[in-house]
């Protein structure tokens, strides 16, 4: 687990604590979505990756995204709130490099650098 992943996990735990959401534990676990009036655990969280997703309302993202949606804040204001909850350490998934898409077509090794 990288330092960024550890910080993202810590941010998510801090935000769960702030909104009094029961910590679902490690791995990928269900929980009640804090964004909509959730009667059943329709959201899931992956603490190791520091992300969550609601399969009911479709919202999801990092701890900062959850704060943005709950508090109706812009990105920087939500980031500041999360920074306060974590004691000043934040990492935003918005600033991470996007994952490189894999090509679905086969390219011969001698041509891979030319494409």
PDB file of N, CA and C in Angstrom:
ATOM      1  N   UNK A   1       0.858  -1.181   0.000  1.00  0.00           N
ATOM      2  CA  UNK A   1       0.000   0.000   0.000  1.00  0.00           C
ATOM      3  C   UNK A   1       0.900   1.238   0.000  1.00  0.00           C
ATOM      4  N   UNK A   2       0.640   2.172  -0.914  1.00  0.00           N
ATOM      5  CA  UNK A   2       1.450   3.387  -1.013  1.00  0.00           C
ATOM      6  C   UNK A   2       1.047   4.384   0.078  1.00  0.00           C
ATOM      7  N   UNK A   3       1.858   5.401   0.234  1.00  0.00           N
ATOM      8  CA  UNK A   3       1.561   6.450   1.212  1.00  0.00           C
ATOM      9  C   UNK A   3       0.256   7.142   0.852  1.00  0.00           C
ATOM     10  N   UNK A   4       0.043   7.412  -0.453  1.00  0.00           N
ATOM     11  CA  UNK A   4      -1.209   8.029  -0.888  1.00  0.00           C
ATOM     12  C   UNK A   4      -2.403   7.171  -0.503  1.00  0.00           C
ATOM     13  N   UNK A   5      -2.293   5.851  -0.707  1.00  0.00           N
ATOM     14  CA  UNK A   5      -3.389   4.947  -0.356  1.00  0.00           C
ATOM     15  C   UNK A   5      -3.654   4.962   1.143  1.00  0.00           C
ATOM     16  N   UNK A   6      -2.602   5.018   1.944  1.00  0.00           N
ATOM     17  CA  UNK A   6      -2.758   5.070   3.397  1.00  0.00           C
ATOM     18  C   UNK A   6      -3.456   6.356   3.824  1.00  0.00           C
ATOM     19  N   UNK A   7      -3.093   7.460   3.191  1.00  0.00           N
ATOM     20  CA  UNK A   7      -3.718   8.747   3.516  1.00  0.00           C
ATOM     21  C   UNK A   7      -5.180   8.741   3.081  1.00  0.00           C
ATOM     22  N   UNK A   8      -5.471   8.210   1.882  1.00  0.00           N
ATOM     23  CA  UNK A   8      -6.861   8.136   1.420  1.00  0.00           C
ATOM     24  C   UNK A   8      -7.704   7.292   2.360  1.00  0.00           C
ATOM     25  N   UNK A   9      -7.149   6.189   2.858  1.00  0.00           N
ATOM     26  CA  UNK A   9      -7.869   5.348   3.809  1.00  0.00           C
ATOM     27  C   UNK A   9      -8.112   6.109   5.116  1.00  0.00           C
ATOM     28  N   UNK A  10      -7.103   6.824   5.605  1.00  0.00           N
ATOM     29  CA  UNK A  10      -7.250   7.602   6.835  1.00  0.00           C
ATOM     30  C   UNK A  10      -8.296   8.702   6.671  1.00  0.00           C
ATOM     31  N   UNK A  11      -8.319   9.340   5.497  1.00  0.00           N
ATOM     32  CA  UNK A  11      -9.327  10.371   5.229  1.00  0.00           C
ATOM     33  C   UNK A  11     -10.722   9.774   5.280  1.00  0.00           C
ATOM     34  N   UNK A  12     -10.901   8.624   4.644  1.00  0.00           N
ATOM     35  CA  UNK A  12     -12.207   7.981   4.614  1.00  0.00           C
ATOM     36  C   UNK A  12     -12.660   7.596   6.021  1.00  0.00           C
ATOM     37  N   UNK A  13     -11.755   7.061   6.819  1.00  0.00           N
ATOM     38  CA  UNK A  13     -12.086   6.689   8.199  1.00  0.00           C
ATOM     39  C   UNK A  13     -12.477   7.927   8.994  1.00  0.00           C
ATOM     40  N   UNK A  14     -11.748   9.034   8.822  1.00  0.00           N
ATOM     41  CA  UNK A  14     -12.056  10.276   9.536  1.00  0.00           C
ATOM     42  C   UNK A  14     -13.422  10.825   9.145  1.00  0.00           C
ATOM     43  N   UNK A  15     -13.756  10.769   7.858  1.00  0.00           N
ATOM     44  CA  UNK A  15     -15.051  11.268   7.386  1.00  0.00           C
ATOM     45  C   UNK A  15     -16.182  10.357   7.871  1.00  0.00           C
ATOM     46  N   UNK A  16     -15.973   9.045   7.854  1.00  0.00           N
ATOM     47  CA  UNK A  16     -16.974   8.117   8.395  1.00  0.00           C
ATOM     48  C   UNK A  16     -17.231   8.442   9.867  1.00  0.00           C
ATOM     49  N   UNK A  17     -16.166   8.684  10.603  1.00  0.00           N
ATOM     50  CA  UNK A  17     -16.305   9.025  12.025  1.00  0.00           C
ATOM     51  C   UNK A  17     -17.043  10.353  12.188  1.00  0.00           C
ATOM     52  N   UNK A  18     -16.714  11.329  11.372  1.00  0.00           N
ATOM     53  CA  UNK A  18     -17.346  12.650  11.435  1.00  0.00           C
ATOM     54  C   UNK A  18     -18.858  12.568  11.218  1.00  0.00           C
ATOM     55  N   UNK A  19     -19.282  11.734  10.275  1.00  0.00           N
ATOM     56  CA  UNK A  19     -20.710  11.588   9.981  1.00  0.00           C
ATOM     57  C   UNK A  19     -21.366  10.445  10.759  1.00  0.00           C
ATOM     58  N   UNK A  20     -20.622   9.900  11.711  1.00  0.00           N
ATOM     59  CA  UNK A  20     -21.107   8.819  12.570  1.00  0.00           C
ATOM     60  C   UNK A  20     -21.618   7.626  11.759  1.00  0.00           C
ATOM     61  N   UNK A  21     -20.874   7.294  10.728  1.00  0.00           N
ATOM     62  CA  UNK A  21     -21.151   6.112   9.919  1.00  0.00           C
ATOM     63  C   UNK A  21     -20.321   4.986  10.515  1.00  0.00           C
ATOM     64  N   UNK A  22     -20.963   3.873  10.787  1.00  0.00           N
ATOM     65  CA  UNK A  22     -20.240   2.754  11.370  1.00  0.00           C
ATOM     66  C   UNK A  22     -19.131   2.309  10.437  1.00  0.00           C
ATOM     67  N   UNK A  23     -17.935   2.191  10.978  1.00  0.00           N
ATOM     68  CA  UNK A  23     -16.789   1.764  10.186  1.00  0.00           C
ATOM     69  C   UNK A  23     -17.039   0.338   9.699  1.00  0.00           C
ATOM     70  N   UNK A  24     -17.116   0.142   8.381  1.00  0.00           N
ATOM     71  CA  UNK A  24     -17.426  -1.184   7.861  1.00  0.00           C
ATOM     72  C   UNK A  24     -16.274  -2.180   7.948  1.00  0.00           C
ATOM     73  N   UNK A  25     -15.097  -1.751   8.338  1.00  0.00           N
ATOM     74  CA  UNK A  25     -13.965  -2.665   8.434  1.00  0.00           C
ATOM     75  C   UNK A  25     -13.145  -2.691   7.162  1.00  0.00           C
ATOM     76  N   UNK A  26     -12.218  -3.616   7.113  1.00  0.00           N
ATOM     77  CA  UNK A  26     -11.304  -3.658   5.971  1.00  0.00           C
ATOM     78  C   UNK A  26     -11.914  -4.405   4.796  1.00  0.00           C
ATOM     79  N   UNK A  27     -11.268  -4.254   3.663  1.00  0.00           N
ATOM     80  CA  UNK A  27     -11.766  -4.881   2.452  1.00  0.00           C
ATOM     81  C   UNK A  27     -12.881  -4.071   1.827  1.00  0.00           C
ATOM     82  N   UNK A  28     -13.664  -4.701   1.007  1.00  0.00           N
ATOM     83  CA  UNK A  28     -14.786  -4.034   0.368  1.00  0.00           C
ATOM     84  C   UNK A  28     -16.052  -4.457   1.098  1.00  0.00           C
ATOM     85  N   UNK A  29     -16.713  -3.511   1.749  1.00  0.00           N
ATOM     86  CA  UNK A  29     -17.845  -3.816   2.611  1.00  0.00           C
ATOM     87  C   UNK A  29     -19.024  -2.897   2.326  1.00  0.00           C
ATOM     88  N   UNK A  30     -20.258  -3.378   2.599  1.00  0.00           N
ATOM     89  CA  UNK A  30     -21.444  -2.536   2.412  1.00  0.00           C
ATOM     90  C   UNK A  30     -21.665  -1.598   3.605  1.00  0.00           C
ATOM     91  N   UNK A  31     -22.332  -0.471   3.346  1.00  0.00           N
ATOM     92  CA  UNK A  31     -22.752   0.446   4.401  1.00  0.00           C
ATOM     93  C   UNK A  31     -23.923   1.268   3.879  1.00  0.00           C
ATOM     94  N   UNK A  32     -24.618   1.949   4.788  1.00  0.00           N
ATOM     95  CA  UNK A  32     -25.748   2.795   4.391  1.00  0.00           C
ATOM     96  C   UNK A  32     -25.214   4.107   3.829  1.00  0.00           C
ATOM     97  N   UNK A  33     -25.702   4.448   2.651  1.00  0.00           N
ATOM     98  CA  UNK A  33     -25.240   5.658   1.964  1.00  0.00           C
ATOM     99  C   UNK A  33     -25.636   6.902   2.751  1.00  0.00           C
ATOM    100  N   UNK A  34     -24.681   7.788   3.023  1.00  0.00           N
ATOM    101  CA  UNK A  34     -24.996   9.017   3.746  1.00  0.00           C
ATOM    102  C   UNK A  34     -25.584  10.120   2.870  1.00  0.00           C
ATOM    103  N   UNK A  35     -25.607   9.910   1.566  1.00  0.00           N
ATOM    104  CA  UNK A  35     -26.059  10.949   0.651  1.00  0.00           C
ATOM    105  C   UNK A  35     -27.574  10.934   0.475  1.00  0.00           C
ATOM    106  N   UNK A  36     -28.170   9.762   0.450  1.00  0.00           N
ATOM    107  CA  UNK A  36     -29.626   9.675   0.335  1.00  0.00           C
ATOM    108  C   UNK A  36     -30.184   8.911   1.540  1.00  0.00           C
ATOM    109  N   UNK A  37     -31.482   8.970   1.722  1.00  0.00           N
ATOM    110  CA  UNK A  37     -32.135   8.296   2.849  1.00  0.00           C
ATOM    111  C   UNK A  37     -32.105   6.790   2.594  1.00  0.00           C
ATOM    112  N   UNK A  38     -31.058   6.165   3.050  1.00  0.00           N
ATOM    113  CA  UNK A  38     -30.811   4.756   2.772  1.00  0.00           C
ATOM    114  C   UNK A  38     -31.353   3.877   3.890  1.00  0.00           C
ATOM    115  N   UNK A  39     -32.274   3.000   3.564  1.00  0.00           N
ATOM    116  CA  UNK A  39     -32.842   2.070   4.549  1.00  0.00           C
ATOM    117  C   UNK A  39     -31.998   0.810   4.671  1.00  0.00           C
ATOM    118  N   UNK A  40     -31.338   0.430   3.571  1.00  0.00           N
ATOM    119  CA  UNK A  40     -30.500  -0.768   3.537  1.00  0.00           C
ATOM    120  C   UNK A  40     -29.103  -0.361   3.077  1.00  0.00           C
ATOM    121  N   UNK A  41     -28.146  -1.199   3.342  1.00  0.00           N
ATOM    122  CA  UNK A  41     -26.769  -0.902   2.958  1.00  0.00           C
ATOM    123  C   UNK A  41     -26.606  -1.024   1.443  1.00  0.00           C
ATOM    124  N   UNK A  42     -26.843   0.073   0.741  1.00  0.00           N
ATOM    125  CA  UNK A  42     -26.768   0.049  -0.724  1.00  0.00           C
ATOM    126  C   UNK A  42     -25.445   0.591  -1.247  1.00  0.00           C
ATOM    127  N   UNK A  43     -24.576   1.034  -0.358  1.00  0.00           N
ATOM    128  CA  UNK A  43     -23.272   1.561  -0.765  1.00  0.00           C
ATOM    129  C   UNK A  43     -22.184   0.575  -0.346  1.00  0.00           C
ATOM    130  N   UNK A  44     -21.043   0.686  -0.993  1.00  0.00           N
ATOM    131  CA  UNK A  44     -19.909  -0.139  -0.595  1.00  0.00           C
ATOM    132  C   UNK A  44     -18.673   0.745  -0.501  1.00  0.00           C
ATOM    133  N   UNK A  45     -17.763   0.327   0.340  1.00  0.00           N
ATOM    134  CA  UNK A  45     -16.534   1.084   0.556  1.00  0.00           C
ATOM    135  C   UNK A  45     -15.352   0.138   0.423  1.00  0.00           C
ATOM    136  N   UNK A  46     -14.286   0.656  -0.148  1.00  0.00           N
ATOM    137  CA  UNK A  46     -13.022  -0.062  -0.186  1.00  0.00           C
ATOM    138  C   UNK A  46     -12.026   0.825   0.535  1.00  0.00           C
ATOM    139  N   UNK A  47     -11.805   0.508   1.810  1.00  0.00           N
ATOM    140  CA  UNK A  47     -10.931   1.348   2.627  1.00  0.00           C
ATOM    141  C   UNK A  47      -9.510   1.389   2.106  1.00  0.00           C
ATOM    142  N   UNK A  48      -9.008   0.266   1.629  1.00  0.00           N
ATOM    143  CA  UNK A  48      -7.622   0.218   1.158  1.00  0.00           C
ATOM    144  C   UNK A  48      -7.394   1.166  -0.021  1.00  0.00           C
ATOM    145  N   UNK A  49      -8.404   1.335  -0.864  1.00  0.00           N
ATOM    146  CA  UNK A  49      -8.294   2.262  -1.997  1.00  0.00           C
ATOM    147  C   UNK A  49      -8.817   3.646  -1.646  1.00  0.00           C
ATOM    148  N   UNK A  50      -9.516   3.781  -0.513  1.00  0.00           N
ATOM    149  CA  UNK A  50     -10.023   5.079  -0.081  1.00  0.00           C
ATOM    150  C   UNK A  50     -11.183   5.588  -0.901  1.00  0.00           C
ATOM    151  N   UNK A  51     -12.031   4.667  -1.405  1.00  0.00           N
ATOM    152  CA  UNK A  51     -13.162   5.057  -2.238  1.00  0.00           C
ATOM    153  C   UNK A  51     -14.446   4.374  -1.785  1.00  0.00           C
ATOM    154  N   UNK A  52     -15.567   4.969  -2.160  1.00  0.00           N
ATOM    155  CA  UNK A  52     -16.884   4.415  -1.858  1.00  0.00           C
ATOM    156  C   UNK A  52     -17.775   4.600  -3.082  1.00  0.00           C
ATOM    157  N   UNK A  53     -18.855   3.815  -3.149  1.00  0.00           N
ATOM    158  CA  UNK A  53     -19.793   3.900  -4.267  1.00  0.00           C
ATOM    159  C   UNK A  53     -21.164   3.464  -3.769  1.00  0.00           C
ATOM    160  N   UNK A  54     -22.188   4.268  -4.062  1.00  0.00           N
ATOM    161  CA  UNK A  54     -23.562   3.897  -3.732  1.00  0.00           C
ATOM    162  C   UNK A  54     -24.195   3.296  -4.976  1.00  0.00           C
ATOM    163  N   UNK A  55     -24.723   2.106  -4.834  1.00  0.00           N
ATOM    164  CA  UNK A  55     -25.354   1.424  -5.960  1.00  0.00           C
ATOM    165  C   UNK A  55     -26.826   1.813  -6.070  1.00  0.00           C
ATOM    166  N   UNK A  56     -27.318   2.593  -5.089  1.00  0.00           N
ATOM    167  CA  UNK A  56     -28.694   3.076  -5.126  1.00  0.00           C
ATOM    168  C   UNK A  56     -28.818   4.413  -5.840  1.00  0.00           C
ATOM    169  N   UNK A  57     -28.043   5.412  -5.371  1.00  0.00           N
ATOM    170  CA  UNK A  57     -28.145   6.753  -5.958  1.00  0.00           C
ATOM    171  C   UNK A  57     -27.072   7.032  -7.005  1.00  0.00           C
ATOM    172  N   UNK A  58     -26.053   6.169  -7.082  1.00  0.00           N
ATOM    173  CA  UNK A  58     -25.018   6.326  -8.097  1.00  0.00           C
ATOM    174  C   UNK A  58     -23.858   7.208  -7.697  1.00  0.00           C
ATOM    175  N   UNK A  59     -23.913   7.837  -6.524  1.00  0.00           N
ATOM    176  CA  UNK A  59     -22.809   8.699  -6.093  1.00  0.00           C
ATOM    177  C   UNK A  59     -21.648   7.848  -5.602  1.00  0.00           C
ATOM    178  N   UNK A  60     -20.481   8.449  -5.530  1.00  0.00           N
ATOM    179  CA  UNK A  60     -19.315   7.746  -5.036  1.00  0.00           C
ATOM    180  C   UNK A  60     -18.074   8.580  -5.229  1.00  0.00           C
ATOM    181  N   UNK A  61     -16.964   8.087  -4.728  1.00  0.00           N
ATOM    182  CA  UNK A  61     -15.695   8.791  -4.872  1.00  0.00           C
ATOM    183  C   UNK A  61     -14.850   8.656  -3.634  1.00  0.00           C
ATOM    184  N   UNK A  62     -14.114   9.689  -3.345  1.00  0.00           N
ATOM    185  CA  UNK A  62     -13.218   9.710  -2.189  1.00  0.00           C
ATOM    186  C   UNK A  62     -13.941  10.304  -0.984  1.00  0.00           C
ATOM    187  N   UNK A  63     -13.204  10.445   0.107  1.00  0.00           N
ATOM    188  CA  UNK A  63     -13.744  11.091   1.299  1.00  0.00           C
ATOM    189  C   UNK A  63     -14.110  12.547   0.996  1.00  0.00           C
ATOM    190  N   UNK A  64     -13.304  13.196   0.172  1.00  0.00           N
ATOM    191  CA  UNK A  64     -13.566  14.595  -0.193  1.00  0.00           C
ATOM    192  C   UNK A  64     -14.883  14.694  -0.962  1.00  0.00           C
ATOM    193  N   UNK A  65     -15.132  13.743  -1.851  1.00  0.00           N
ATOM    194  CA  UNK A  65     -16.388  13.727  -2.603  1.00  0.00           C
ATOM    195  C   UNK A  65     -17.582  13.577  -1.668  1.00  0.00           C
ATOM    196  N   UNK A  66     -17.453  12.703  -0.667  1.00  0.00           N
ATOM    197  CA  UNK A  66     -18.544  12.505   0.284  1.00  0.00           C
ATOM    198  C   UNK A  66     -18.854  13.802   1.027  1.00  0.00           C
ATOM    199  N   UNK A  67     -17.820  14.510   1.453  1.00  0.00           N
ATOM    200  CA  UNK A  67     -18.013  15.784   2.149  1.00  0.00           C
ATOM    201  C   UNK A  67     -18.643  16.812   1.204  1.00  0.00           C
ATOM    202  N   UNK A  68     -18.187  16.862  -0.033  1.00  0.00           N
ATOM    203  CA  UNK A  68     -18.772  17.785  -1.012  1.00  0.00           C
ATOM    204  C   UNK A  68     -20.274  17.555  -1.132  1.00  0.00           C
ATOM    205  N   UNK A  69     -20.671  16.303  -1.269  1.00  0.00           N
ATOM    206  CA  UNK A  69     -22.082  15.974  -1.462  1.00  0.00           C
ATOM    207  C   UNK A  69     -22.902  16.200  -0.196  1.00  0.00           C
ATOM    208  N   UNK A  70     -22.367  15.812   0.954  1.00  0.00           N
ATOM    209  CA  UNK A  70     -23.097  15.970   2.224  1.00  0.00           C
ATOM    210  C   UNK A  70     -23.278  17.434   2.601  1.00  0.00           C
ATOM    211  N   UNK A  71     -22.241  18.234   2.412  1.00  0.00           N
ATOM    212  CA  UNK A  71     -22.239  19.617   2.870  1.00  0.00           C
ATOM    213  C   UNK A  71     -22.555  20.618   1.765  1.00  0.00           C
ATOM    214  N   UNK A  72     -22.707  20.126   0.529  1.00  0.00           N
ATOM    215  CA  UNK A  72     -22.931  20.987  -0.627  1.00  0.00           C
ATOM    216  C   UNK A  72     -21.811  22.034  -0.749  1.00  0.00           C
ATOM    217  N   UNK A  73     -20.577  21.543  -0.728  1.00  0.00           N
ATOM    218  CA  UNK A  73     -19.393  22.396  -0.779  1.00  0.00           C
ATOM    219  C   UNK A  73     -18.678  22.232  -2.114  1.00  0.00           C
ATOM    220  N   UNK A  74     -17.886  23.248  -2.468  1.00  0.00           N
ATOM    221  CA  UNK A  74     -17.014  23.104  -3.627  1.00  0.00           C
ATOM    222  C   UNK A  74     -15.819  22.239  -3.220  1.00  0.00           C
ATOM    223  N   UNK A  75     -15.033  21.845  -4.194  1.00  0.00           N
ATOM    224  CA  UNK A  75     -13.941  20.918  -3.950  1.00  0.00           C
ATOM    225  C   UNK A  75     -12.954  21.430  -2.899  1.00  0.00           C
ATOM    226  N   UNK A  76     -12.490  22.668  -3.036  1.00  0.00           N
ATOM    227  CA  UNK A  76     -11.486  23.192  -2.106  1.00  0.00           C
ATOM    228  C   UNK A  76     -12.008  23.306  -0.680  1.00  0.00           C
ATOM    229  N   UNK A  77     -13.269  23.707  -0.519  1.00  0.00           N
ATOM    230  CA  UNK A  77     -13.847  23.807   0.822  1.00  0.00           C
ATOM    231  C   UNK A  77     -13.961  22.425   1.461  1.00  0.00           C
ATOM    232  N   UNK A  78     -14.367  21.438   0.676  1.00  0.00           N
ATOM    233  CA  UNK A  78     -14.463  20.069   1.184  1.00  0.00           C
ATOM    234  C   UNK A  78     -13.076  19.536   1.532  1.00  0.00           C
ATOM    235  N   UNK A  79     -12.082  19.849   0.720  1.00  0.00           N
ATOM    236  CA  UNK A  79     -10.712  19.423   0.979  1.00  0.00           C
ATOM    237  C   UNK A  79     -10.198  20.020   2.289  1.00  0.00           C
ATOM    238  N   UNK A  80     -10.533  21.291   2.547  1.00  0.00           N
ATOM    239  CA  UNK A  80     -10.138  21.932   3.804  1.00  0.00           C
ATOM    240  C   UNK A  80     -10.801  21.264   5.001  1.00  0.00           C
ATOM    241  N   UNK A  81     -12.077  20.910   4.867  1.00  0.00           N
ATOM    242  CA  UNK A  81     -12.771  20.237   5.958  1.00  0.00           C
ATOM    243  C   UNK A  81     -12.131  18.881   6.247  1.00  0.00           C
ATOM    244  N   UNK A  82     -11.831  18.128   5.205  1.00  0.00           N
ATOM    245  CA  UNK A  82     -11.179  16.832   5.386  1.00  0.00           C
ATOM    246  C   UNK A  82      -9.790  17.017   5.991  1.00  0.00           C
ATOM    247  N   UNK A  83      -9.095  18.049   5.561  1.00  0.00           N
ATOM    248  CA  UNK A  83      -7.772  18.345   6.121  1.00  0.00           C
ATOM    249  C   UNK A  83      -7.877  18.585   7.628  1.00  0.00           C
ATOM    250  N   UNK A  84      -8.916  19.297   8.053  1.00  0.00           N
ATOM    251  CA  UNK A  84      -9.132  19.519   9.477  1.00  0.00           C
ATOM    252  C   UNK A  84      -9.451  18.243  10.226  1.00  0.00           C
ATOM    253  N   UNK A  85     -10.195  17.346   9.600  1.00  0.00           N
ATOM    254  CA  UNK A  85     -10.558  16.081  10.244  1.00  0.00           C
ATOM    255  C   UNK A  85      -9.378  15.137  10.386  1.00  0.00           C
ATOM    256  N   UNK A  86      -8.424  15.236   9.480  1.00  0.00           N
ATOM    257  CA  UNK A  86      -7.283  14.311   9.482  1.00  0.00           C
ATOM    258  C   UNK A  86      -6.030  14.905  10.111  1.00  0.00           C
ATOM    259  N   UNK A  87      -6.129  16.097  10.633  1.00  0.00           N
ATOM    260  CA  UNK A  87      -4.959  16.709  11.245  1.00  0.00           C
ATOM    261  C   UNK A  87      -4.002  17.315  10.247  1.00  0.00           C
ATOM    262  N   UNK A  88      -4.493  17.652   9.082  1.00  0.00           N
ATOM    263  CA  UNK A  88      -3.688  18.388   8.118  1.00  0.00           C
ATOM    264  C   UNK A  88      -3.125  17.603   6.961  1.00  0.00           C
ATOM    265  N   UNK A  89      -3.317  16.297   6.923  1.00  0.00           N
ATOM    266  CA  UNK A  89      -2.767  15.504   5.831  1.00  0.00           C
ATOM    267  C   UNK A  89      -3.893  15.113   4.887  1.00  0.00           C
ATOM    268  N   UNK A  90      -3.754  15.501   3.610  1.00  0.00           N
ATOM    269  CA  UNK A  90      -4.768  15.135   2.618  1.00  0.00           C
ATOM    270  C   UNK A  90      -4.116  14.724   1.310  1.00  0.00           C
ATOM    271  N   UNK A  91      -4.791  13.853   0.621  1.00  0.00           N
ATOM    272  CA  UNK A  91      -4.439  13.468  -0.735  1.00  0.00           C
ATOM    273  C   UNK A  91      -5.754  13.442  -1.476  1.00  0.00           C
ATOM    274  N   UNK A  92      -5.797  14.064  -2.619  1.00  0.00           N
ATOM    275  CA  UNK A  92      -7.023  14.077  -3.403  1.00  0.00           C
ATOM    276  C   UNK A  92      -6.902  13.135  -4.579  1.00  0.00           C
ATOM    277  N   UNK A  93      -7.908  12.306  -4.780  1.00  0.00           N
ATOM    278  CA  UNK A  93      -7.901  11.416  -5.932  1.00  0.00           C
ATOM    279  C   UNK A  93      -8.064  12.207  -7.222  1.00  0.00           C
ATOM    280  N   UNK A  94      -8.548  13.449  -7.128  1.00  0.00           N
ATOM    281  CA  UNK A  94      -8.715  14.267  -8.330  1.00  0.00           C
ATOM    282  C   UNK A  94      -7.365  14.633  -8.938  1.00  0.00           C
ATOM    283  N   UNK A  95      -6.312  14.605  -8.128  1.00  0.00           N
ATOM    284  CA  UNK A  95      -4.997  14.995  -8.616  1.00  0.00           C
ATOM    285  C   UNK A  95      -4.140  13.797  -8.996  1.00  0.00           C
ATOM    286  N   UNK A  96      -4.670  12.589  -8.853  1.00  0.00           N
ATOM    287  CA  UNK A  96      -3.927  11.400  -9.242  1.00  0.00           C
ATOM    288  C   UNK A  96      -3.941  11.277 -10.763  1.00  0.00           C
ATOM    289  N   UNK A  97      -2.880  10.730 -11.276  1.00  0.00           N
ATOM    290  CA  UNK A  97      -2.811  10.509 -12.716  1.00  0.00           C
ATOM    291  C   UNK A  97      -3.859   9.474 -13.119  1.00  0.00           C
ATOM    292  N   UNK A  98      -4.578   9.725 -14.196  1.00  0.00           N
ATOM    293  CA  UNK A  98      -5.575   8.750 -14.617  1.00  0.00           C
ATOM    294  C   UNK A  98      -4.908   7.444 -15.038  1.00  0.00           C
ATOM    295  N   UNK A  99      -5.629   6.353 -14.827  1.00  0.00           N
ATOM    296  CA  UNK A  99      -5.099   5.060 -15.236  1.00  0.00           C
ATOM    297  C   UNK A  99      -5.043   4.987 -16.749  1.00  0.00           C
ATOM    298  N   UNK A 100      -3.986   4.393 -17.227  1.00  0.00           N
ATOM    299  CA  UNK A 100      -3.798   4.258 -18.666  1.00  0.00           C
ATOM    300  C   UNK A 100      -4.751   3.192 -19.188  1.00  0.00           C
ATOM    301  N   UNK A 101      -5.476   3.526 -20.234  1.00  0.00           N
ATOM    302  CA  UNK A 101      -6.390   2.560 -20.838  1.00  0.00           C
ATOM    303  C   UNK A 101      -5.582   1.512 -21.577  1.00  0.00           C
ATOM    304  N   UNK A 102      -6.035   0.290 -21.437  1.00  0.00           N
ATOM    305  CA  UNK A 102      -5.407  -0.790 -22.170  1.00  0.00           C
ATOM    306  C   UNK A 102      -6.067  -0.898 -23.536  1.00  0.00           C
ATOM    307  N   UNK A 103      -5.244  -1.092 -24.513  1.00  0.00           N
ATOM    308  CA  UNK A 103      -5.766  -1.271 -25.862  1.00  0.00           C
ATOM    309  C   UNK A 103      -6.370  -2.656 -25.977  1.00  0.00           C
ATOM    310  N   UNK A 104      -7.503  -2.759 -26.638  1.00  0.00           N
ATOM    311  CA  UNK A 104      -8.145  -4.051 -26.799  1.00  0.00           C
ATOM    312  C   UNK A 104      -7.611  -4.785 -28.023  1.00  0.00           C
ATOM    313  N   UNK A 105      -6.827  -4.113 -28.821  1.00  0.00           N
ATOM    314  CA  UNK A 105      -6.282  -4.784 -29.994  1.00  0.00           C
ATOM    315  C   UNK A 105      -4.822  -5.137 -29.756  1.00  0.00           C
ATOM    316  N   UNK A 106      -4.397  -6.204 -30.387  1.00  0.00           N
ATOM    317  CA  UNK A 106      -3.035  -6.677 -30.239  1.00  0.00           C
ATOM    318  C   UNK A 106      -2.121  -5.883 -31.158  1.00  0.00           C
ATOM    319  N   UNK A 107      -0.986  -5.442 -30.614  1.00  0.00           N
ATOM    320  CA  UNK A 107       0.006  -4.714 -31.395  1.00  0.00           C
ATOM    321  C   UNK A 107       1.305  -5.513 -31.340  1.00  0.00           C
ATOM    322  N   UNK A 108       1.889  -5.799 -32.482  1.00  0.00           N
ATOM    323  CA  UNK A 108       3.154  -6.548 -32.480  1.00  0.00           C
ATOM    324  C   UNK A 108       4.207  -5.805 -31.663  1.00  0.00           C
ATOM    325  N   UNK A 109       5.053  -6.536 -30.923  1.00  0.00           N
ATOM    326  CA  UNK A 109       6.059  -5.898 -30.063  1.00  0.00           C
ATOM    327  C   UNK A 109       6.941  -4.901 -30.792  1.00  0.00           C
ATOM    328  N   UNK A 110       7.307  -5.159 -32.047  1.00  0.00           N
ATOM    329  CA  UNK A 110       8.203  -4.245 -32.763  1.00  0.00           C
ATOM    330  C   UNK A 110       7.503  -2.916 -33.110  1.00  0.00           C
ATOM    331  N   UNK A 111       6.161  -2.896 -33.090  1.00  0.00           N
ATOM    332  CA  UNK A 111       5.419  -1.681 -33.418  1.00  0.00           C
ATOM    333  C   UNK A 111       4.871  -0.947 -32.196  1.00  0.00           C
ATOM    334  N   UNK A 112       4.986  -1.528 -31.031  1.00  0.00           N
ATOM    335  CA  UNK A 112       4.373  -0.940 -29.821  1.00  0.00           C
ATOM    336  C   UNK A 112       4.876   0.458 -29.513  1.00  0.00           C
ATOM    337  N   UNK A 113       6.136   0.720 -29.706  1.00  0.00           N
ATOM    338  CA  UNK A 113       6.673   2.040 -29.437  1.00  0.00           C
ATOM    339  C   UNK A 113       6.282   3.059 -30.486  1.00  0.00           C
ATOM    340  N   UNK A 114       5.904   2.616 -31.671  1.00  0.00           N
ATOM    341  CA  UNK A 114       5.590   3.514 -32.773  1.00  0.00           C
ATOM    342  C   UNK A 114       4.151   4.021 -32.713  1.00  0.00           C
ATOM    343  N   UNK A 115       3.303   3.387 -31.927  1.00  0.00           N
ATOM    344  CA  UNK A 115       1.876   3.757 -31.903  1.00  0.00           C
ATOM    345  C   UNK A 115       1.632   4.861 -30.929  1.00  0.00           C
TER     346      UNK A 115
END
